[in-house]
Protein backbone atom coordinates (compact mmCIF):
# COMPACT_ATOMS: atom_id res chain seq x y z
CA UNK A 1 85.99 314.53 35.05
CA UNK A 2 86.71 310.76 33.87
CA UNK A 3 86.66 307.68 35.71
CA UNK A 4 90.91 307.17 35.84
CA UNK A 5 91.12 310.66 37.02
CA UNK A 6 88.11 310.44 39.31
CA UNK A 7 89.51 307.14 41.14
CA UNK A 8 93.23 308.43 41.28
CA UNK A 9 92.14 311.56 42.97
CA UNK A 10 89.77 309.39 46.11
CA UNK A 11 92.99 306.91 46.18
CA UNK A 12 95.32 310.09 46.08
CA UNK A 13 93.45 311.43 49.09
CA UNK A 14 92.66 308.69 51.00
CA UNK A 15 96.61 307.77 50.97
CA UNK A 16 97.84 311.17 50.75
CA UNK A 17 96.10 310.29 54.57
CA UNK A 18 97.01 307.57 56.09
CA UNK A 19 96.87 307.63 59.27
CA UNK A 20 93.24 309.13 59.51
CA UNK A 21 92.31 306.89 56.98
CA UNK A 22 93.48 303.80 58.71
CA UNK A 23 91.57 305.16 61.86
CA UNK A 24 88.77 305.11 60.17
CA UNK A 25 89.09 301.72 58.68
CA UNK A 26 90.52 300.34 62.45
CA UNK A 27 86.97 301.29 64.08
CA UNK A 28 84.68 299.08 60.83
CA UNK A 29 87.04 297.40 61.56
CA UNK A 30 86.37 296.49 65.36
CA UNK A 31 82.53 296.48 64.93
CA UNK A 32 82.09 294.18 62.29
CA UNK A 33 84.63 292.21 64.04
CA UNK A 34 82.68 292.41 66.88
CA UNK A 35 79.96 291.80 65.52
CA UNK A 36 81.16 288.20 63.58
CA UNK A 37 82.69 287.32 66.69
CA UNK A 38 79.49 287.53 68.64
CA UNK A 39 77.40 285.70 66.11
CA UNK A 40 79.45 283.16 65.79
CA UNK A 41 79.45 282.51 69.21
CA UNK A 42 75.57 282.61 69.09
CA UNK A 43 75.16 280.61 65.97
CA UNK A 44 77.59 277.78 67.71
CA UNK A 45 75.30 277.80 70.95
CA UNK A 46 72.01 277.70 68.62
CA UNK A 47 73.52 274.61 66.31
CA UNK A 48 74.97 272.49 69.64
CA UNK A 49 71.61 273.04 71.58
CA UNK A 50 69.17 271.60 68.43
CA UNK A 51 71.66 269.06 67.58
CA UNK A 52 71.48 268.31 71.57
CA UNK A 53 67.45 267.66 71.76
CA UNK A 54 67.73 266.64 68.35
CA UNK A 55 69.88 263.11 68.48
CA UNK A 56 66.92 261.28 69.36
CA UNK A 57 65.07 261.79 66.70
CA UNK A 58 62.71 264.61 65.73
CA UNK A 59 59.77 262.01 65.42
CA UNK A 60 58.70 262.64 69.88
CA UNK A 61 56.19 262.97 71.95
CA UNK A 62 56.07 263.06 76.40
CA UNK A 63 53.25 263.33 78.40
CA UNK A 64 54.26 264.63 81.60
CA UNK A 65 51.43 264.17 84.87
CA UNK A 66 49.49 267.24 85.25
CA UNK A 67 48.43 270.01 83.59
CA UNK A 68 50.39 272.70 82.93
CA UNK A 69 50.10 275.41 80.50
CA UNK A 70 54.93 275.27 79.95
CA UNK A 71 56.22 273.04 78.16
CA UNK A 72 55.12 270.67 80.29
CA UNK A 73 57.51 268.98 82.81
CA UNK A 74 57.04 266.59 85.40
CA UNK A 75 57.12 269.47 88.02
CA UNK A 76 53.46 269.72 87.26
CA UNK A 77 52.74 265.87 89.18
CA UNK A 78 51.93 268.14 91.88
CA UNK A 79 48.15 269.56 90.24
CA UNK A 80 47.83 266.23 88.56
CA UNK A 81 44.04 264.11 89.46
CA UNK A 82 45.35 260.61 88.81
CA UNK A 83 49.31 259.95 88.29
CA UNK A 84 50.33 258.55 85.45
CA UNK A 85 50.30 254.99 85.20
CA UNK A 86 52.23 252.22 83.01
CA UNK A 87 48.58 250.71 82.07
CA UNK A 88 48.64 254.22 80.48
CA UNK A 89 51.91 253.18 78.91
CA UNK A 90 50.22 250.01 78.24
CA UNK A 91 47.36 251.36 76.67
CA UNK A 92 49.18 254.22 74.64
CA UNK A 93 51.32 250.79 72.17
CA UNK A 94 47.43 250.39 70.28
CA UNK A 95 46.99 254.41 69.36
CA UNK A 96 47.38 253.95 65.57
CA UNK A 97 50.92 255.50 64.57
CA UNK A 98 52.24 254.58 67.93
CA UNK A 99 55.98 253.12 67.19
CA UNK A 100 57.29 252.23 71.15
CA UNK A 101 56.05 253.61 74.43
CA UNK A 102 58.39 253.95 76.76
CA UNK A 103 57.99 255.09 80.77
CA UNK A 104 60.51 256.39 82.26
CA UNK A 105 61.20 257.52 85.99
CA UNK A 106 63.74 258.99 87.06
CA UNK A 107 65.92 258.60 90.42
CA UNK A 108 69.71 258.29 92.50
CA UNK A 109 70.68 255.36 94.61
CA UNK A 110 73.39 253.60 95.48
CA UNK A 111 75.10 250.73 92.80
CA UNK A 112 77.42 248.63 93.64
CA UNK A 113 79.48 245.27 93.12
CA UNK A 114 82.87 243.63 93.31
CA UNK A 115 83.02 246.24 96.25
CA UNK A 116 83.29 249.06 94.54
CA UNK A 117 80.58 251.41 95.70
CA UNK A 118 78.94 255.07 94.20
CA UNK A 119 75.89 257.22 93.24
CA UNK A 120 74.61 257.65 90.30
CA UNK A 121 71.33 257.78 87.51
CA UNK A 122 69.08 255.06 87.93
CA UNK A 123 66.58 255.28 84.76
CA UNK A 124 62.73 253.04 85.08
CA UNK A 125 62.62 252.43 81.80
CA UNK A 126 60.89 249.96 78.99
CA UNK A 127 62.04 247.48 76.70
CA UNK A 128 61.60 249.67 73.62
CA UNK A 129 63.73 252.38 75.43
CA UNK A 130 66.86 251.67 73.39
CA UNK A 131 65.68 252.38 69.66
CA UNK A 132 63.79 256.08 71.26
CA UNK A 133 66.77 257.24 72.91
CA UNK A 134 68.85 255.96 69.39
CA UNK A 135 70.82 254.00 71.81
CA UNK A 136 72.22 250.61 70.71
CA UNK A 137 73.42 247.21 73.08
CA UNK A 138 77.01 246.52 73.02
CA UNK A 139 77.11 243.66 74.97
CA UNK A 140 73.87 240.92 75.83
CA UNK A 141 70.43 242.55 75.28
CA UNK A 142 68.82 244.88 76.79
CA UNK A 143 65.48 244.43 79.32
CA UNK A 144 63.15 241.90 78.37
CA UNK A 145 59.41 242.46 77.71
CA UNK A 146 58.35 241.60 80.80
CA UNK A 147 55.20 241.88 81.96
CA UNK A 148 54.90 245.27 83.95
CA UNK A 149 53.49 244.40 87.09
CA UNK A 150 55.76 240.97 87.65
CA UNK A 151 58.84 243.00 86.02
CA UNK A 152 62.43 240.94 86.35
CA UNK A 153 64.93 242.04 88.75
CA UNK A 154 67.35 242.52 85.28
CA UNK A 155 69.53 246.12 84.32
CA UNK A 156 71.52 246.85 81.90
CA UNK A 157 74.80 249.00 82.02
CA UNK A 158 75.82 252.35 80.57
CA UNK A 159 79.87 252.23 79.19
CA UNK A 160 80.96 253.78 81.79
CA UNK A 161 79.47 252.38 84.81
CA UNK A 162 80.54 249.14 83.28
CA UNK A 163 84.23 250.75 83.54
CA UNK A 164 83.50 251.95 87.09
CA UNK A 165 82.31 248.54 88.55
CA UNK A 166 83.97 245.79 86.30
CA UNK A 167 87.03 246.84 84.06
CA UNK A 168 87.53 245.10 81.29
CA UNK A 169 85.95 241.80 83.02
CA UNK A 170 82.95 240.55 81.55
CA UNK A 171 79.71 241.83 83.96
CA UNK A 172 76.69 239.83 82.17
CA UNK A 173 75.32 237.82 84.39
CA UNK A 174 77.16 239.27 87.46
CA UNK A 175 74.97 240.49 90.16
CA UNK A 176 74.80 244.15 91.77
CA UNK A 177 73.37 245.48 94.33
CA UNK A 178 70.95 248.83 93.58
CA UNK A 179 69.17 250.79 96.57
CA UNK A 180 70.50 247.84 98.38
CA UNK A 181 68.29 245.24 95.91
CA UNK A 182 69.65 242.76 93.88
CA UNK A 183 70.01 242.66 90.07
CA UNK A 184 71.43 240.31 87.62
CA UNK A 185 73.24 242.25 84.52
CA UNK A 186 71.48 241.30 81.11
CA UNK A 187 73.86 243.98 79.29
CA UNK A 188 75.95 246.54 78.35
CA UNK A 189 75.22 249.88 76.41
CA UNK A 190 76.62 251.37 74.15
CA UNK A 191 78.89 254.37 74.29
CA UNK A 192 76.05 257.81 73.78
CA UNK A 193 78.20 260.50 75.95
CA UNK A 194 76.13 263.88 77.15
CA UNK A 195 72.66 265.45 76.21
CA UNK A 196 72.41 269.16 77.42
CA UNK A 197 74.49 267.92 81.18
CA UNK A 198 72.77 264.50 80.87
CA UNK A 199 75.59 261.21 81.78
CA UNK A 200 73.15 258.79 79.06
CA UNK A 201 76.38 256.45 79.79
CA UNK A 202 77.05 256.83 83.91
CA UNK A 203 73.62 255.36 84.17
CA UNK A 204 71.74 252.54 85.30
CA UNK A 205 68.86 250.80 83.42
CA UNK A 206 66.13 248.81 85.68
CA UNK A 207 62.73 248.16 85.11
CA UNK A 208 59.85 250.81 85.29
CA UNK A 209 57.62 248.97 87.75
CA UNK A 210 61.25 248.42 90.16
CA UNK A 211 62.22 251.69 89.78
CA UNK A 212 58.46 253.10 91.27
CA UNK A 213 58.85 250.86 94.12
CA UNK A 214 62.52 251.42 94.31
CA UNK A 215 62.18 255.26 94.80
CA UNK A 216 58.19 255.60 96.00
CA UNK A 217 56.36 257.02 93.72
CA UNK A 218 52.65 256.11 91.91
CA UNK A 219 53.01 258.20 88.92
CA UNK A 220 55.78 257.81 86.76
CA UNK A 221 57.65 261.32 85.97
CA UNK A 222 57.28 260.83 81.76
CA UNK A 223 56.48 258.63 78.83
CA UNK A 224 57.44 259.23 75.72
CA UNK A 225 56.71 257.91 72.43
CA UNK A 226 57.28 257.73 68.96
CA UNK A 227 55.44 258.00 66.45
CA UNK A 228 55.36 257.56 62.58
CA UNK A 229 57.09 260.55 60.87
CA UNK A 230 54.96 260.00 57.99
CA UNK A 231 52.04 260.80 59.43
CA UNK A 232 50.57 264.15 61.08
CA UNK A 233 52.16 264.76 64.12
CA UNK A 234 49.07 266.62 65.01
CA UNK A 235 46.80 263.75 64.18
CA UNK A 236 48.30 261.58 66.47
CA UNK A 237 48.33 263.97 69.56
CA UNK A 238 44.25 264.08 69.71
CA UNK A 239 44.42 260.23 69.50
CA UNK A 240 46.53 259.76 72.28
CA UNK A 241 45.49 262.94 74.07
CA UNK A 242 41.64 260.77 73.23
CA UNK A 243 42.83 258.07 74.79
CA UNK A 244 44.92 259.64 77.83
CA UNK A 245 40.96 260.87 78.62
CA UNK A 246 39.31 258.19 78.51
CA UNK A 247 40.98 256.54 81.08
CA UNK A 248 41.62 259.68 83.58
CA UNK A 249 37.68 261.27 82.69
CA UNK A 250 39.36 264.22 82.45
CA UNK A 251 42.44 266.14 80.89
CA UNK A 252 45.33 265.76 83.61
CA UNK A 253 47.86 265.70 81.41
CA UNK A 254 50.71 267.52 79.65
CA UNK A 255 51.15 266.39 75.97
CA UNK A 256 54.68 268.36 74.22
CA UNK A 257 56.13 267.56 70.99
CA UNK A 258 59.71 267.37 70.10
CA UNK A 259 58.42 269.84 67.30
CA UNK A 260 56.95 272.03 69.44
CA UNK A 261 60.41 271.96 72.28
CA UNK A 262 62.19 272.93 68.57
CA UNK A 263 59.89 275.59 67.28
CA UNK A 264 60.27 276.95 71.48
CA UNK A 265 63.93 276.97 71.54
CA UNK A 266 65.14 277.95 68.45
CA UNK A 267 62.43 280.89 68.85
CA UNK A 268 64.42 282.10 72.24
CA UNK A 269 68.15 281.25 70.48
CA UNK A 270 67.59 282.66 67.22
CA UNK A 271 66.33 286.24 69.60
CA UNK A 272 69.37 285.45 71.80
CA UNK A 273 72.28 285.15 68.68
CA UNK A 274 70.33 288.81 67.13
CA UNK A 275 71.52 290.41 70.63
CA UNK A 276 73.71 288.80 70.84
CA UNK A 277 74.56 290.56 67.33
CA UNK A 278 73.25 293.74 68.27
CA UNK A 279 75.53 294.20 70.99
CA UNK A 280 78.70 293.79 68.84
CA UNK A 281 76.68 296.19 66.21
CA UNK A 282 77.30 298.66 69.18
CA UNK A 283 80.42 299.09 68.16
CA UNK A 284 79.40 299.66 63.56
CA UNK A 285 77.52 302.23 65.30
CA UNK A 286 80.92 303.65 66.75
CA UNK A 287 82.36 303.33 63.12
CA UNK A 288 80.04 304.99 61.35
CA UNK A 289 80.32 307.67 63.50
CA UNK A 290 84.08 308.20 63.03
CA UNK A 291 83.41 307.96 59.40
CA UNK A 292 80.53 310.91 59.57
CA UNK A 293 83.72 312.91 61.50
CA UNK A 294 86.20 311.96 59.34
CA UNK A 295 84.56 312.96 56.52
CA UNK A 296 82.92 316.58 57.54
CA UNK A 297 86.57 317.13 58.12
CA UNK A 298 87.91 316.05 54.91
CA UNK A 299 85.74 318.24 52.73
CA UNK A 300 86.48 321.74 55.39
CA UNK A 301 89.87 320.65 54.22
CA UNK A 302 89.71 319.74 50.76
CA UNK A 303 87.53 323.09 50.42
CA UNK A 304 88.97 324.63 47.55
CA UNK A 305 90.06 321.53 45.98
CA UNK A 306 86.69 321.09 45.61
CA UNK A 307 86.72 324.62 44.02
CA UNK A 308 88.82 323.83 41.35
CA UNK A 309 86.71 320.84 40.56
CA UNK A 310 83.87 322.90 40.29
CA UNK A 311 85.76 325.33 37.92
CA UNK A 312 87.20 322.93 35.53
CA UNK A 313 84.67 321.51 35.07
CA UNK A 314 83.11 318.77 37.81
CA UNK A 315 79.46 318.65 38.49
CA UNK A 316 77.97 318.31 41.68
CA UNK A 317 77.02 315.07 41.33
CA UNK A 318 80.38 314.12 40.85
CA UNK A 319 81.47 315.95 43.73
CA UNK A 320 78.64 314.05 45.73
CA UNK A 321 79.95 311.00 44.18
CA UNK A 322 83.36 311.55 44.38
CA UNK A 323 83.14 312.19 48.70
CA UNK A 324 80.22 308.81 49.23
CA UNK A 325 82.82 306.78 47.39
CA UNK A 326 85.74 307.63 49.52
CA UNK A 327 83.75 307.01 52.67
CA UNK A 328 82.57 303.71 51.07
CA UNK A 329 85.91 302.72 50.50
CA UNK A 330 86.90 303.60 54.06
CA UNK A 331 83.82 301.38 55.29
CA UNK A 332 84.32 298.30 52.88
CA UNK A 333 88.13 297.47 53.36
CA UNK A 334 87.38 298.26 56.87
CA UNK A 335 84.49 295.79 57.01
CA UNK A 336 87.01 293.15 55.19
CA UNK A 337 89.61 293.72 57.56
CA UNK A 338 86.35 293.03 60.15
CA UNK A 339 85.59 290.07 58.81
CA UNK A 340 89.64 288.40 58.79
CA UNK A 341 89.29 289.74 62.45
CA UNK A 342 85.70 288.16 63.98
CA UNK A 343 86.60 284.78 61.41
CA UNK A 344 89.86 284.23 62.96
CA UNK A 345 89.10 284.67 66.32
CA UNK A 346 86.52 282.86 66.57
CA UNK A 347 88.63 280.41 64.90
CA UNK A 348 90.63 280.92 67.89
CA UNK A 349 88.16 280.50 70.39
CA UNK A 350 87.07 277.15 68.85
CA UNK A 351 90.39 275.92 68.87
CA UNK A 352 91.32 277.00 72.30
CA UNK A 353 87.53 276.46 73.96
CA UNK A 354 87.13 272.93 72.79
CA UNK A 355 84.21 272.60 74.66
CA UNK A 356 82.63 275.54 72.99
CA UNK A 357 80.49 275.85 70.50
CA UNK A 358 81.82 278.41 67.67
CA UNK A 359 79.76 279.08 63.81
CA UNK A 360 80.46 281.06 61.94
CA UNK A 361 77.45 280.56 58.78
CA UNK A 362 78.80 281.57 55.89
CA UNK A 363 76.12 284.76 55.19
CA UNK A 364 77.25 286.19 58.60
CA UNK A 365 80.47 287.12 56.23
CA UNK A 366 78.35 288.52 53.52
CA UNK A 367 75.30 290.11 55.51
CA UNK A 368 78.40 291.85 57.86
CA UNK A 369 79.63 292.97 54.55
CA UNK A 370 76.94 294.42 53.23
CA UNK A 371 76.40 296.38 56.60
CA UNK A 372 79.92 297.66 57.13
CA UNK A 373 78.98 299.47 53.06
CA UNK A 374 75.96 300.52 53.89
CA UNK A 375 77.29 302.35 57.71
CA UNK A 376 79.83 303.82 54.48
CA UNK A 377 77.27 305.23 52.89
CA UNK A 378 75.31 306.52 55.01
CA UNK A 379 77.54 308.13 57.19
CA UNK A 380 79.68 309.40 54.14
CA UNK A 381 76.10 311.10 52.49
CA UNK A 382 76.01 314.39 54.53
CA UNK A 383 79.28 315.62 54.13
CA UNK A 384 79.25 314.69 50.06
CA UNK A 385 75.91 316.42 50.29
CA UNK A 386 78.47 319.59 51.89
CA UNK A 387 80.63 319.45 49.24
CA UNK A 388 78.24 318.95 46.54
CA UNK A 389 76.72 322.47 47.62
CA UNK A 390 79.18 324.33 48.07
CA UNK A 391 80.01 327.02 45.25
CA UNK A 392 82.72 327.67 43.19
CA UNK A 393 83.73 330.59 44.25
CA UNK A 394 83.59 330.43 47.41
CA UNK A 395 85.53 327.57 47.69
CA UNK A 396 87.59 328.94 45.52
CA UNK A 397 87.88 332.02 47.95
CA UNK A 398 88.17 330.01 51.03
CA UNK A 399 92.03 329.34 49.49
């Protein structure tokens, strides 16, 4: 039996049983479509979260009060021996390869100007904050490099806060009240948008020393730093740790690098993407069971045909390839349909819900199609082997 006859026989078997072939391919299509759609959502969320974390750069180091074994969030302040102070922040500026140091105090307070009043986020920071967070100044200038112990009552407004308080008027030089204290506006920041739900545009920036007094805090929430990207981060961390230990008499603080955060976050999100894809894989498994069932029925129904093929000289290997090829074709066609279904669904979902990040990498498409073909081969092996092992005489008697 030549290739032409082989192909014609396989095609005729699929076309003759149109409905059966369609339903079999549909099972694979639904499975592949589910895998592609769910992994597209998972990958989209993965990229979105990583982009949110890296929009301020990747050469960041954060120090939080208190020694913890976790990511070093500000909750560690309850267990610290000494608070993080503005003096610590000043001391870290002289550490080799540190390019910027920004103390951070965060709170919520009432902001009032021209009869407009609202509560918003107040960030107590240092003058190098725009460099750290890559936040430009739209009007005026940012907080000056005052003596931390005698910082002036100056404020820079987020872009949205400027419009809320002053509309289109020039706010520079105007007075605003923050938690009942008077501050003079010296700058307006460019629009930055949100980072993980935190709106930098709806924020006011005041000197860290003023924020410590305003919120009656002894310790900074964090000290954030930028280091030279061309040096080893571990060496920088060791130098920072040594400087703070010499000031505190021990390691009562937690140092977290952006690299550590991204590695941990990437691992978690990668596992999440795989888990979501595995849920879609259940549908693909069901489709594989469908191919196994359909091909087994097909072998039983075509026993006499197999006997005729063997009688006219077809070898067992050719019978095996014939039925295995039919299973692969069905799964391949179903996989292609599933790819269109999944990719189209991901695109439609992204169009209908723009806030939901969806991304379909090309290698997902390739892996999904190869997976469909593999499922077809695995599901078709047993029926194909059974067909190839049929005795030609016994098969002819089945007529």
